[in-house]
Amino acid sequence: MEIAYAVLVVLGLVAFETVASIDNAIINADILSTMKAWARRWFLTWGIIIAVFGIRGVLPWLIIWFSTPSLGPIGALTATFSDDATASAAIEQSAPFLLLAGGIFMIFLFLHWLMAEQKNCIVPGERAMSRQGPWFYAVAAIVLFIVCYTAAQINALLAVAAVGGSAIFFIMQGFRLFADKKSAELESGSSNQSDISKLMLLEVIDATFSIDGVIGAFAFTMSVPLILIGNGIGAIIVRELTVRNIDNIRKYAYLKNGAMYSIFTLGLIMCSEGFGIEIPIWIAPILTIGIVSLFFWLSLQRIKKGDFGVCEVPREQ
């Protein structure tokens, strides 16, 4: 049973990490197209080591450490790869704070995509919601207020965790806007950055986009080795997508929709568990695989029909 659960979790993580990083692959491919051959080779070899073992290996450890400071940095590191009962109990005790912070982050990601980003509309109501960008901040504030008020009735630190999740979202949003701007400059040819600078930009973009996958992974499991395996395989797949014809990937227009609805589902699961509601351990991977498969199928149908409609939403400056 444990082996079957581990396999299911890894499959769910791979599916989630892959579709959640489609935008990352497209941006990477656009920037790589402006770089010399040596720089592309470096990014596609050493870059994958940094992405898998560096970013996706270090982030879960940092999250465990900050959410369970009593363990200390070394204790958090050993706890992620051991069966120490004391460390496991400490992580379990801090799990609600971690899950609620992550859940708010994920829900805000979904709301921003739904209300303020360009998308290929397929689900009823998406087109109407896409015109409500200015209202995103009001909706996010109301959601945060309700969650914090409810959390404060249980534990004041739980409310602080929710605020922390929202802070991480807005910080990451700033980095993404910066990455979008730099990517647009490189694509238009208005930037004179060196290949070294572009490599550094790619690593920053990788780190920014990996936040979604790492935080969402805790909805699947608190086991860092499983997170590292699932997210690592997903990161390798994203690199493969980067080196292949990225235009073919763009044709699967609803994969981003699937990623965002998966993010929303995982956010709800994490918030529920943060408030102490028991969710069966197989729910997150099964729902993620199901949602991704559905939107992959819808993308295939769109390709066959040749229907290419996009919700036009003003991009943030």
C-alpha atoms as a PDB file:
ATOM      1  CA  MET A   1       0.000   0.000   0.000  1.00  0.00           C
ATOM      2  CA  GLU A   2       2.830   2.420   0.856  1.00  0.00           C
ATOM      3  CA  ILE A   3       4.540   1.686  -2.473  1.00  0.00           C
ATOM      4  CA  ALA A   4       1.293   2.239  -4.382  1.00  0.00           C
ATOM      5  CA  TYR A   5       0.743   5.524  -2.538  1.00  0.00           C
ATOM      6  CA  ALA A   6       4.323   6.669  -3.259  1.00  0.00           C
ATOM      7  CA  VAL A   7       3.904   5.883  -6.965  1.00  0.00           C
ATOM      8  CA  LEU A   8       0.570   7.737  -7.065  1.00  0.00           C
ATOM      9  CA  VAL A   9       2.089  10.776  -5.318  1.00  0.00           C
ATOM     10  CA  VAL A  10       5.078  10.868  -7.679  1.00  0.00           C
ATOM     11  CA  LEU A  11       2.815  10.595 -10.738  1.00  0.00           C
ATOM     12  CA  GLY A  12       0.635  13.404  -9.410  1.00  0.00           C
ATOM     13  CA  LEU A  13       3.690  15.569  -8.704  1.00  0.00           C
ATOM     14  CA  VAL A  14       5.140  14.930 -12.160  1.00  0.00           C
ATOM     15  CA  ALA A  15       1.849  15.875 -13.842  1.00  0.00           C
ATOM     16  CA  PHE A  16       1.447  19.000 -11.703  1.00  0.00           C
ATOM     17  CA  GLU A  17       5.063  20.177 -12.021  1.00  0.00           C
ATOM     18  CA  THR A  18       5.031  19.665 -15.799  1.00  0.00           C
ATOM     19  CA  VAL A  19       1.848  21.586 -16.615  1.00  0.00           C
ATOM     20  CA  ALA A  20       2.557  24.266 -14.010  1.00  0.00           C
ATOM     21  CA  SER A  21       5.922  24.915 -15.681  1.00  0.00           C
ATOM     22  CA  ILE A  22       4.698  25.198 -19.292  1.00  0.00           C
ATOM     23  CA  ASP A  23       5.039  28.987 -19.141  1.00  0.00           C
ATOM     24  CA  ASN A  24       8.544  28.515 -17.764  1.00  0.00           C
ATOM     25  CA  ALA A  25       9.480  26.309 -20.732  1.00  0.00           C
ATOM     26  CA  ILE A  26       8.135  28.862 -23.232  1.00  0.00           C
ATOM     27  CA  ILE A  27       9.979  31.786 -21.622  1.00  0.00           C
ATOM     28  CA  ASN A  28      13.166  29.716 -21.400  1.00  0.00           C
ATOM     29  CA  ALA A  29      12.929  28.785 -25.079  1.00  0.00           C
ATOM     30  CA  ASP A  30      12.359  32.408 -26.124  1.00  0.00           C
ATOM     31  CA  ILE A  31      15.418  33.596 -24.177  1.00  0.00           C
ATOM     32  CA  LEU A  32      17.609  30.670 -25.273  1.00  0.00           C
ATOM     33  CA  SER A  33      16.871  31.537 -28.913  1.00  0.00           C
ATOM     34  CA  THR A  34      18.778  34.828 -28.400  1.00  0.00           C
ATOM     35  CA  MET A  35      21.860  33.154 -26.867  1.00  0.00           C
ATOM     36  CA  LYS A  36      25.036  31.621 -28.297  1.00  0.00           C
ATOM     37  CA  ALA A  37      25.449  27.850 -28.582  1.00  0.00           C
ATOM     38  CA  TRP A  38      27.818  27.542 -25.585  1.00  0.00           C
ATOM     39  CA  ALA A  39      25.368  29.339 -23.299  1.00  0.00           C
ATOM     40  CA  ARG A  40      22.470  27.151 -24.445  1.00  0.00           C
ATOM     41  CA  ARG A  41      24.523  24.012 -23.793  1.00  0.00           C
ATOM     42  CA  TRP A  42      25.478  25.267 -20.316  1.00  0.00           C
ATOM     43  CA  PHE A  43      21.875  25.981 -19.372  1.00  0.00           C
ATOM     44  CA  LEU A  44      20.575  22.664 -20.705  1.00  0.00           C
ATOM     45  CA  THR A  45      23.256  20.668 -18.816  1.00  0.00           C
ATOM     46  CA  TRP A  46      24.356  22.470 -15.641  1.00  0.00           C
ATOM     47  CA  GLY A  47      21.071  24.334 -15.507  1.00  0.00           C
ATOM     48  CA  ILE A  48      19.124  21.107 -15.046  1.00  0.00           C
ATOM     49  CA  ILE A  49      21.362  20.165 -12.085  1.00  0.00           C
ATOM     50  CA  ILE A  50      20.684  23.529 -10.468  1.00  0.00           C
ATOM     51  CA  ALA A  51      16.935  23.281 -11.191  1.00  0.00           C
ATOM     52  CA  VAL A  52      16.470  19.743  -9.867  1.00  0.00           C
ATOM     53  CA  PHE A  53      18.990  19.348  -7.068  1.00  0.00           C
ATOM     54  CA  GLY A  54      19.529  22.997  -6.242  1.00  0.00           C
ATOM     55  CA  ILE A  55      16.252  24.882  -6.375  1.00  0.00           C
ATOM     56  CA  ARG A  56      13.819  21.978  -5.983  1.00  0.00           C
ATOM     57  CA  GLY A  57      16.070  20.291  -3.447  1.00  0.00           C
ATOM     58  CA  VAL A  58      16.812  23.339  -1.286  1.00  0.00           C
ATOM     59  CA  LEU A  59      13.347  24.911  -1.287  1.00  0.00           C
ATOM     60  CA  PRO A  60      11.544  22.034   0.524  1.00  0.00           C
ATOM     61  CA  TRP A  61      14.313  22.004   3.158  1.00  0.00           C
ATOM     62  CA  LEU A  62      13.999  25.779   3.654  1.00  0.00           C
ATOM     63  CA  ILE A  63      10.219  25.510   3.909  1.00  0.00           C
ATOM     64  CA  ILE A  64      10.473  22.748   6.528  1.00  0.00           C
ATOM     65  CA  TRP A  65      13.090  24.753   8.429  1.00  0.00           C
ATOM     66  CA  PHE A  66      11.121  28.021   8.482  1.00  0.00           C
ATOM     67  CA  SER A  67       7.849  26.304   9.318  1.00  0.00           C
ATOM     68  CA  THR A  68       9.515  24.266  12.105  1.00  0.00           C
ATOM     69  CA  PRO A  69      12.278  26.557  13.452  1.00  0.00           C
ATOM     70  CA  SER A  70      12.713  24.411  16.560  1.00  0.00           C
ATOM     71  CA  LEU A  71      14.473  21.803  14.392  1.00  0.00           C
ATOM     72  CA  GLY A  72      17.186  24.217  13.263  1.00  0.00           C
ATOM     73  CA  PRO A  73      18.784  24.032   9.795  1.00  0.00           C
ATOM     74  CA  ILE A  74      20.601  20.743  10.384  1.00  0.00           C
ATOM     75  CA  GLY A  75      17.629  19.136  12.119  1.00  0.00           C
ATOM     76  CA  ALA A  76      15.341  20.178   9.260  1.00  0.00           C
ATOM     77  CA  LEU A  77      17.770  18.689   6.745  1.00  0.00           C
ATOM     78  CA  THR A  78      18.109  15.342   8.525  1.00  0.00           C
ATOM     79  CA  ALA A  79      14.374  15.230   9.263  1.00  0.00           C
ATOM     80  CA  THR A  80      13.536  15.388   5.569  1.00  0.00           C
ATOM     81  CA  PHE A  81      15.477  12.191   4.869  1.00  0.00           C
ATOM     82  CA  SER A  82      14.993  10.201   8.086  1.00  0.00           C
ATOM     83  CA  ASP A  83      12.295   8.539  10.159  1.00  0.00           C
ATOM     84  CA  ASP A  84      13.197  10.323  13.390  1.00  0.00           C
ATOM     85  CA  ALA A  85      10.017  10.280  15.504  1.00  0.00           C
ATOM     86  CA  THR A  86      10.771  13.578  17.300  1.00  0.00           C
ATOM     87  CA  ALA A  87      11.427  15.444  14.066  1.00  0.00           C
ATOM     88  CA  SER A  88       8.351  13.922  12.439  1.00  0.00           C
ATOM     89  CA  ALA A  89       6.210  15.021  15.385  1.00  0.00           C
ATOM     90  CA  ALA A  90       7.597  18.580  15.140  1.00  0.00           C
ATOM     91  CA  ILE A  91       6.863  18.742  11.413  1.00  0.00           C
ATOM     92  CA  GLU A  92       3.378  17.363  11.975  1.00  0.00           C
ATOM     93  CA  GLN A  93       2.732  20.022  14.621  1.00  0.00           C
ATOM     94  CA  SER A  94       3.792  22.833  12.291  1.00  0.00           C
ATOM     95  CA  ALA A  95       2.004  21.375   9.245  1.00  0.00           C
ATOM     96  CA  PRO A  96      -1.220  23.445   9.640  1.00  0.00           C
ATOM     97  CA  PHE A  97       0.750  26.710   9.433  1.00  0.00           C
ATOM     98  CA  LEU A  98       2.685  25.532   6.383  1.00  0.00           C
ATOM     99  CA  LEU A  99      -0.447  24.217   4.668  1.00  0.00           C
ATOM    100  CA  LEU A 100      -2.532  27.340   5.275  1.00  0.00           C
ATOM    101  CA  ALA A 101       0.252  29.649   4.040  1.00  0.00           C
ATOM    102  CA  GLY A 102       0.707  27.499   0.954  1.00  0.00           C
ATOM    103  CA  GLY A 103      -3.025  27.266   0.376  1.00  0.00           C
ATOM    104  CA  ILE A 104      -3.455  31.059   0.370  1.00  0.00           C
ATOM    105  CA  PHE A 105      -0.522  31.399  -2.010  1.00  0.00           C
ATOM    106  CA  MET A 106      -2.059  28.870  -4.408  1.00  0.00           C
ATOM    107  CA  ILE A 107      -5.563  30.366  -4.276  1.00  0.00           C
ATOM    108  CA  PHE A 108      -4.182  33.840  -4.990  1.00  0.00           C
ATOM    109  CA  LEU A 109      -2.263  32.431  -7.958  1.00  0.00           C
ATOM    110  CA  PHE A 110      -5.488  31.015  -9.364  1.00  0.00           C
ATOM    111  CA  LEU A 111      -7.520  34.167  -8.748  1.00  0.00           C
ATOM    112  CA  HIS A 112      -4.892  36.346 -10.425  1.00  0.00           C
ATOM    113  CA  TRP A 113      -4.828  34.064 -13.469  1.00  0.00           C
ATOM    114  CA  LEU A 114      -8.617  33.912 -13.627  1.00  0.00           C
ATOM    115  CA  MET A 115      -9.194  37.650 -13.283  1.00  0.00           C
ATOM    116  CA  ALA A 116      -6.095  39.431 -14.577  1.00  0.00           C
ATOM    117  CA  GLU A 117      -4.187  37.283 -17.092  1.00  0.00           C
ATOM    118  CA  GLN A 118      -4.585  36.381 -20.750  1.00  0.00           C
ATOM    119  CA  LYS A 119      -5.845  32.885 -21.304  1.00  0.00           C
ATOM    120  CA  ASN A 120      -7.476  30.524 -23.782  1.00  0.00           C
ATOM    121  CA  CYS A 121     -11.036  30.383 -22.467  1.00  0.00           C
ATOM    122  CA  ILE A 122     -12.778  27.027 -22.258  1.00  0.00           C
ATOM    123  CA  VAL A 123     -14.606  26.824 -18.906  1.00  0.00           C
ATOM    124  CA  PRO A 124     -17.936  28.739 -18.723  1.00  0.00           C
ATOM    125  CA  GLY A 125     -17.448  32.078 -16.995  1.00  0.00           C
ATOM    126  CA  GLU A 126     -13.728  32.412 -17.752  1.00  0.00           C
ATOM    127  CA  ARG A 127     -14.247  35.089 -20.401  1.00  0.00           C
ATOM    128  CA  ALA A 128     -16.424  37.183 -18.089  1.00  0.00           C
ATOM    129  CA  MET A 129     -14.004  36.796 -15.171  1.00  0.00           C
ATOM    130  CA  SER A 130     -11.084  37.774 -17.390  1.00  0.00           C
ATOM    131  CA  ARG A 131     -12.505  41.288 -17.614  1.00  0.00           C
ATOM    132  CA  GLN A 132     -12.436  41.734 -13.820  1.00  0.00           C
ATOM    133  CA  GLY A 133      -8.680  42.306 -13.399  1.00  0.00           C
ATOM    134  CA  PRO A 134      -8.961  45.487 -11.296  1.00  0.00           C
ATOM    135  CA  TRP A 135     -11.176  43.597  -8.838  1.00  0.00           C
ATOM    136  CA  PHE A 136      -8.554  40.930  -8.148  1.00  0.00           C
ATOM    137  CA  TYR A 137      -7.019  42.925  -5.288  1.00  0.00           C
ATOM    138  CA  ALA A 138     -10.405  43.506  -3.673  1.00  0.00           C
ATOM    139  CA  VAL A 139     -11.307  39.811  -3.917  1.00  0.00           C
ATOM    140  CA  ALA A 140      -7.869  38.767  -2.603  1.00  0.00           C
ATOM    141  CA  ALA A 141      -8.197  41.175   0.339  1.00  0.00           C
ATOM    142  CA  ILE A 142     -11.662  39.854   1.225  1.00  0.00           C
ATOM    143  CA  VAL A 143     -10.493  36.228   1.009  1.00  0.00           C
ATOM    144  CA  LEU A 144      -7.475  36.994   3.185  1.00  0.00           C
ATOM    145  CA  PHE A 145      -9.611  38.829   5.754  1.00  0.00           C
ATOM    146  CA  ILE A 146     -12.094  35.949   6.039  1.00  0.00           C
ATOM    147  CA  VAL A 147      -9.326  33.349   6.320  1.00  0.00           C
ATOM    148  CA  CYS A 148      -7.367  35.386   8.884  1.00  0.00           C
ATOM    149  CA  TYR A 149     -10.470  36.083  10.986  1.00  0.00           C
ATOM    150  CA  THR A 150     -11.383  32.385  11.003  1.00  0.00           C
ATOM    151  CA  ALA A 151      -7.790  31.321  11.712  1.00  0.00           C
ATOM    152  CA  ALA A 152      -7.441  33.807  14.581  1.00  0.00           C
ATOM    153  CA  GLN A 153     -10.311  32.075  16.398  1.00  0.00           C
ATOM    154  CA  ILE A 154      -8.179  28.902  16.421  1.00  0.00           C
ATOM    155  CA  ASN A 155      -4.618  30.186  16.740  1.00  0.00           C
ATOM    156  CA  ALA A 156      -3.211  33.677  16.163  1.00  0.00           C
ATOM    157  CA  LEU A 157      -0.122  32.213  14.508  1.00  0.00           C
ATOM    158  CA  LEU A 158      -2.360  30.476  11.988  1.00  0.00           C
ATOM    159  CA  ALA A 159      -3.605  33.904  10.882  1.00  0.00           C
ATOM    160  CA  VAL A 160       0.010  35.075  10.604  1.00  0.00           C
ATOM    161  CA  ALA A 161       0.721  32.071   8.371  1.00  0.00           C
ATOM    162  CA  ALA A 162      -2.116  33.115   6.045  1.00  0.00           C
ATOM    163  CA  VAL A 163      -0.679  36.636   5.811  1.00  0.00           C
ATOM    164  CA  GLY A 164       2.719  35.078   5.095  1.00  0.00           C
ATOM    165  CA  GLY A 165       1.254  33.103   2.202  1.00  0.00           C
ATOM    166  CA  SER A 166      -0.202  36.263   0.679  1.00  0.00           C
ATOM    167  CA  ALA A 167       3.126  38.092   1.127  1.00  0.00           C
ATOM    168  CA  ILE A 168       4.955  35.314  -0.734  1.00  0.00           C
ATOM    169  CA  PHE A 169       2.442  35.590  -3.578  1.00  0.00           C
ATOM    170  CA  PHE A 170       2.918  39.336  -4.048  1.00  0.00           C
ATOM    171  CA  ILE A 171       6.711  39.049  -3.806  1.00  0.00           C
ATOM    172  CA  MET A 172       6.741  36.289  -6.423  1.00  0.00           C
ATOM    173  CA  GLN A 173       4.335  38.281  -8.587  1.00  0.00           C
ATOM    174  CA  GLY A 174       6.849  41.124  -8.607  1.00  0.00           C
ATOM    175  CA  PHE A 175       9.604  38.758  -9.754  1.00  0.00           C
ATOM    176  CA  ARG A 176       7.355  37.386 -12.492  1.00  0.00           C
ATOM    177  CA  LEU A 177       6.502  40.822 -13.802  1.00  0.00           C
ATOM    178  CA  PHE A 178      10.241  41.548 -13.907  1.00  0.00           C
ATOM    179  CA  ALA A 179      10.875  38.276 -15.771  1.00  0.00           C
ATOM    180  CA  ASP A 180       8.072  39.005 -18.263  1.00  0.00           C
ATOM    181  CA  LYS A 181       9.483  42.475 -18.934  1.00  0.00           C
ATOM    182  CA  LYS A 182      13.038  41.227 -19.475  1.00  0.00           C
ATOM    183  CA  SER A 183      11.812  38.373 -21.672  1.00  0.00           C
ATOM    184  CA  ALA A 184       9.829  40.816 -23.836  1.00  0.00           C
ATOM    185  CA  GLU A 185      12.889  43.071 -24.168  1.00  0.00           C
ATOM    186  CA  LEU A 186      15.055  40.155 -25.283  1.00  0.00           C
ATOM    187  CA  GLU A 187      12.430  38.953 -27.758  1.00  0.00           C
ATOM    188  CA  SER A 188      12.080  42.430 -29.277  1.00  0.00           C
ATOM    189  CA  GLY A 189      15.851  42.868 -29.542  1.00  0.00           C
ATOM    190  CA  SER A 190      15.850  46.061 -27.470  1.00  0.00           C
ATOM    191  CA  SER A 191      18.102  44.524 -24.789  1.00  0.00           C
ATOM    192  CA  ASN A 192      21.902  44.289 -25.092  1.00  0.00           C
ATOM    193  CA  GLN A 193      22.414  41.863 -22.215  1.00  0.00           C
ATOM    194  CA  SER A 194      25.355  39.456 -22.360  1.00  0.00           C
ATOM    195  CA  ASP A 195      24.831  35.704 -22.393  1.00  0.00           C
ATOM    196  CA  ILE A 196      26.070  35.558 -18.796  1.00  0.00           C
ATOM    197  CA  SER A 197      23.351  38.012 -17.787  1.00  0.00           C
ATOM    198  CA  LYS A 198      20.772  35.976 -19.688  1.00  0.00           C
ATOM    199  CA  LEU A 199      21.889  32.796 -17.902  1.00  0.00           C
ATOM    200  CA  MET A 200      21.459  34.545 -14.563  1.00  0.00           C
ATOM    201  CA  LEU A 201      18.010  35.744 -15.659  1.00  0.00           C
ATOM    202  CA  LEU A 202      17.048  32.182 -16.643  1.00  0.00           C
ATOM    203  CA  GLU A 203      18.057  30.895 -13.208  1.00  0.00           C
ATOM    204  CA  VAL A 204      15.987  33.626 -11.519  1.00  0.00           C
ATOM    205  CA  ILE A 205      13.006  32.708 -13.715  1.00  0.00           C
ATOM    206  CA  ASP A 206      13.479  29.013 -12.891  1.00  0.00           C
ATOM    207  CA  ALA A 207      13.573  29.761  -9.171  1.00  0.00           C
ATOM    208  CA  THR A 208      10.452  31.926  -9.407  1.00  0.00           C
ATOM    209  CA  PHE A 209       8.403  29.389 -11.326  1.00  0.00           C
ATOM    210  CA  SER A 210       9.562  26.496  -9.133  1.00  0.00           C
ATOM    211  CA  ILE A 211       7.860  28.073  -6.092  1.00  0.00           C
ATOM    212  CA  ASP A 212       4.430  26.960  -7.358  1.00  0.00           C
ATOM    213  CA  GLY A 213       5.465  23.342  -7.766  1.00  0.00           C
ATOM    214  CA  VAL A 214       7.296  23.087  -4.446  1.00  0.00           C
ATOM    215  CA  ILE A 215       4.566  24.713  -2.358  1.00  0.00           C
ATOM    216  CA  GLY A 216       1.815  22.773  -4.135  1.00  0.00           C
ATOM    217  CA  ALA A 217       3.735  19.545  -3.539  1.00  0.00           C
ATOM    218  CA  PHE A 218       2.976  19.740   0.185  1.00  0.00           C
ATOM    219  CA  ALA A 219      -0.695  19.175  -0.673  1.00  0.00           C
ATOM    220  CA  PHE A 220       0.373  15.731  -1.913  1.00  0.00           C
ATOM    221  CA  THR A 221       2.761  14.745   0.849  1.00  0.00           C
ATOM    222  CA  MET A 222       5.039  16.027   3.610  1.00  0.00           C
ATOM    223  CA  SER A 223       7.749  13.604   2.449  1.00  0.00           C
ATOM    224  CA  VAL A 224      10.565  15.673   0.956  1.00  0.00           C
ATOM    225  CA  PRO A 225      12.199  12.694  -0.848  1.00  0.00           C
ATOM    226  CA  LEU A 226       8.945  12.072  -2.753  1.00  0.00           C
ATOM    227  CA  ILE A 227       8.655  15.796  -3.514  1.00  0.00           C
ATOM    228  CA  LEU A 228      12.234  15.846  -4.799  1.00  0.00           C
ATOM    229  CA  ILE A 229      11.636  12.816  -7.038  1.00  0.00           C
ATOM    230  CA  GLY A 230       8.299  14.008  -8.464  1.00  0.00           C
ATOM    231  CA  ASN A 231       9.298  17.641  -8.971  1.00  0.00           C
ATOM    232  CA  GLY A 232      12.712  16.611 -10.269  1.00  0.00           C
ATOM    233  CA  ILE A 233      11.216  14.403 -12.976  1.00  0.00           C
ATOM    234  CA  GLY A 234       8.795  17.194 -13.851  1.00  0.00           C
ATOM    235  CA  ALA A 235      11.689  19.679 -14.137  1.00  0.00           C
ATOM    236  CA  ILE A 236      13.546  17.318 -16.479  1.00  0.00           C
ATOM    237  CA  ILE A 237      10.430  17.020 -18.652  1.00  0.00           C
ATOM    238  CA  VAL A 238      10.182  20.829 -18.786  1.00  0.00           C
ATOM    239  CA  ARG A 239      13.814  20.978 -19.966  1.00  0.00           C
ATOM    240  CA  GLU A 240      12.992  18.462 -22.704  1.00  0.00           C
ATOM    241  CA  LEU A 241      10.054  20.621 -23.765  1.00  0.00           C
ATOM    242  CA  THR A 242      12.402  23.605 -23.866  1.00  0.00           C
ATOM    243  CA  VAL A 243      14.835  21.983 -26.317  1.00  0.00           C
ATOM    244  CA  ARG A 244      12.116  20.607 -28.568  1.00  0.00           C
ATOM    245  CA  ASN A 245       9.867  22.623 -30.871  1.00  0.00           C
ATOM    246  CA  ILE A 246       8.163  24.875 -28.321  1.00  0.00           C
ATOM    247  CA  ASP A 247       5.591  25.939 -30.922  1.00  0.00           C
ATOM    248  CA  ASN A 248       4.128  22.432 -30.765  1.00  0.00           C
ATOM    249  CA  ILE A 249       3.735  22.828 -26.997  1.00  0.00           C
ATOM    250  CA  ARG A 250       1.930  26.143 -27.500  1.00  0.00           C
ATOM    251  CA  LYS A 251      -0.720  24.306 -29.522  1.00  0.00           C
ATOM    252  CA  TYR A 252      -1.871  22.533 -26.356  1.00  0.00           C
ATOM    253  CA  ALA A 253      -3.596  25.735 -25.352  1.00  0.00           C
ATOM    254  CA  TYR A 254      -5.547  24.514 -22.328  1.00  0.00           C
ATOM    255  CA  LEU A 255      -2.663  22.954 -20.399  1.00  0.00           C
ATOM    256  CA  LYS A 256      -2.236  26.255 -18.528  1.00  0.00           C
ATOM    257  CA  ASN A 257      -5.943  26.133 -17.630  1.00  0.00           C
ATOM    258  CA  GLY A 258      -5.432  22.639 -16.270  1.00  0.00           C
ATOM    259  CA  ALA A 259      -2.436  23.793 -14.247  1.00  0.00           C
ATOM    260  CA  MET A 260      -4.364  26.687 -12.715  1.00  0.00           C
ATOM    261  CA  TYR A 261      -7.443  24.619 -11.817  1.00  0.00           C
ATOM    262  CA  SER A 262      -5.070  22.078 -10.263  1.00  0.00           C
ATOM    263  CA  ILE A 263      -3.466  24.902  -8.294  1.00  0.00           C
ATOM    264  CA  PHE A 264      -6.885  26.067  -7.107  1.00  0.00           C
ATOM    265  CA  THR A 265      -7.870  22.533  -6.074  1.00  0.00           C
ATOM    266  CA  LEU A 266      -4.605  22.001  -4.211  1.00  0.00           C
ATOM    267  CA  GLY A 267      -4.994  25.401  -2.553  1.00  0.00           C
ATOM    268  CA  LEU A 268      -8.423  24.437  -1.243  1.00  0.00           C
ATOM    269  CA  ILE A 269      -7.062  21.112   0.021  1.00  0.00           C
ATOM    270  CA  MET A 270      -4.165  22.816   1.793  1.00  0.00           C
ATOM    271  CA  CYS A 271      -6.399  25.430   3.422  1.00  0.00           C
ATOM    272  CA  SER A 272      -8.823  22.724   4.555  1.00  0.00           C
ATOM    273  CA  GLU A 273      -6.026  20.677   6.093  1.00  0.00           C
ATOM    274  CA  GLY A 274      -4.609  23.835   7.658  1.00  0.00           C
ATOM    275  CA  PHE A 275      -7.926  24.236   9.492  1.00  0.00           C
ATOM    276  CA  GLY A 276      -7.763  20.614  10.643  1.00  0.00           C
ATOM    277  CA  ILE A 277     -10.130  19.042   8.108  1.00  0.00           C
ATOM    278  CA  GLU A 278      -8.966  15.542   7.236  1.00  0.00           C
ATOM    279  CA  ILE A 279      -8.577  14.971   3.490  1.00  0.00           C
ATOM    280  CA  PRO A 280      -7.813  11.426   2.217  1.00  0.00           C
ATOM    281  CA  ILE A 281      -4.192  11.227   1.094  1.00  0.00           C
ATOM    282  CA  TRP A 282      -5.099  10.011  -2.400  1.00  0.00           C
ATOM    283  CA  ILE A 283      -7.407  12.945  -3.198  1.00  0.00           C
ATOM    284  CA  ALA A 284      -4.698  15.434  -4.273  1.00  0.00           C
ATOM    285  CA  PRO A 285      -2.842  13.177  -6.758  1.00  0.00           C
ATOM    286  CA  ILE A 286      -6.044  11.699  -8.207  1.00  0.00           C
ATOM    287  CA  LEU A 287      -7.659  15.115  -8.733  1.00  0.00           C
ATOM    288  CA  THR A 288      -4.481  16.566 -10.225  1.00  0.00           C
ATOM    289  CA  ILE A 289      -4.010  13.721 -12.697  1.00  0.00           C
ATOM    290  CA  GLY A 290      -7.720  13.895 -13.603  1.00  0.00           C
ATOM    291  CA  ILE A 291      -7.733  17.673 -14.145  1.00  0.00           C
ATOM    292  CA  VAL A 292      -4.521  17.648 -16.199  1.00  0.00           C
ATOM    293  CA  SER A 293      -5.808  14.755 -18.330  1.00  0.00           C
ATOM    294  CA  LEU A 294      -9.113  16.540 -18.962  1.00  0.00           C
ATOM    295  CA  PHE A 295      -7.487  19.755 -20.156  1.00  0.00           C
ATOM    296  CA  PHE A 296      -4.964  17.823 -22.242  1.00  0.00           C
ATOM    297  CA  TRP A 297      -7.896  16.126 -23.982  1.00  0.00           C
ATOM    298  CA  LEU A 298      -9.639  19.484 -24.452  1.00  0.00           C
ATOM    299  CA  SER A 299      -6.430  20.825 -26.000  1.00  0.00           C
ATOM    300  CA  LEU A 300      -6.385  17.927 -28.449  1.00  0.00           C
ATOM    301  CA  GLN A 301      -9.984  18.639 -29.416  1.00  0.00           C
ATOM    302  CA  ARG A 302      -9.110  22.301 -29.959  1.00  0.00           C
ATOM    303  CA  ILE A 303      -6.234  21.359 -32.267  1.00  0.00           C
ATOM    304  CA  LYS A 304      -8.542  19.144 -34.336  1.00  0.00           C
ATOM    305  CA  LYS A 305     -11.161  21.885 -34.659  1.00  0.00           C
ATOM    306  CA  GLY A 306      -8.653  24.667 -35.356  1.00  0.00           C
ATOM    307  CA  ASP A 307     -10.373  26.966 -32.848  1.00  0.00           C
ATOM    308  CA  PHE A 308      -7.937  29.598 -31.552  1.00  0.00           C
ATOM    309  CA  GLY A 309      -9.738  32.147 -29.383  1.00  0.00           C
ATOM    310  CA  VAL A 310      -7.914  33.985 -26.610  1.00  0.00           C
ATOM    311  CA  CYS A 311      -9.385  36.096 -23.831  1.00  0.00           C
ATOM    312  CA  GLU A 312      -7.801  39.506 -24.312  1.00  0.00           C
ATOM    313  CA  VAL A 313      -6.779  40.930 -20.945  1.00  0.00           C
ATOM    314  CA  PRO A 314      -4.562  44.004 -20.543  1.00  0.00           C
ATOM    315  CA  ARG A 315      -1.145  42.913 -19.258  1.00  0.00           C
ATOM    316  CA  GLU A 316       0.166  44.435 -16.044  1.00  0.00           C
ATOM    317  CA  GLN A 317       2.831  47.070 -16.451  1.00  0.00           C
END
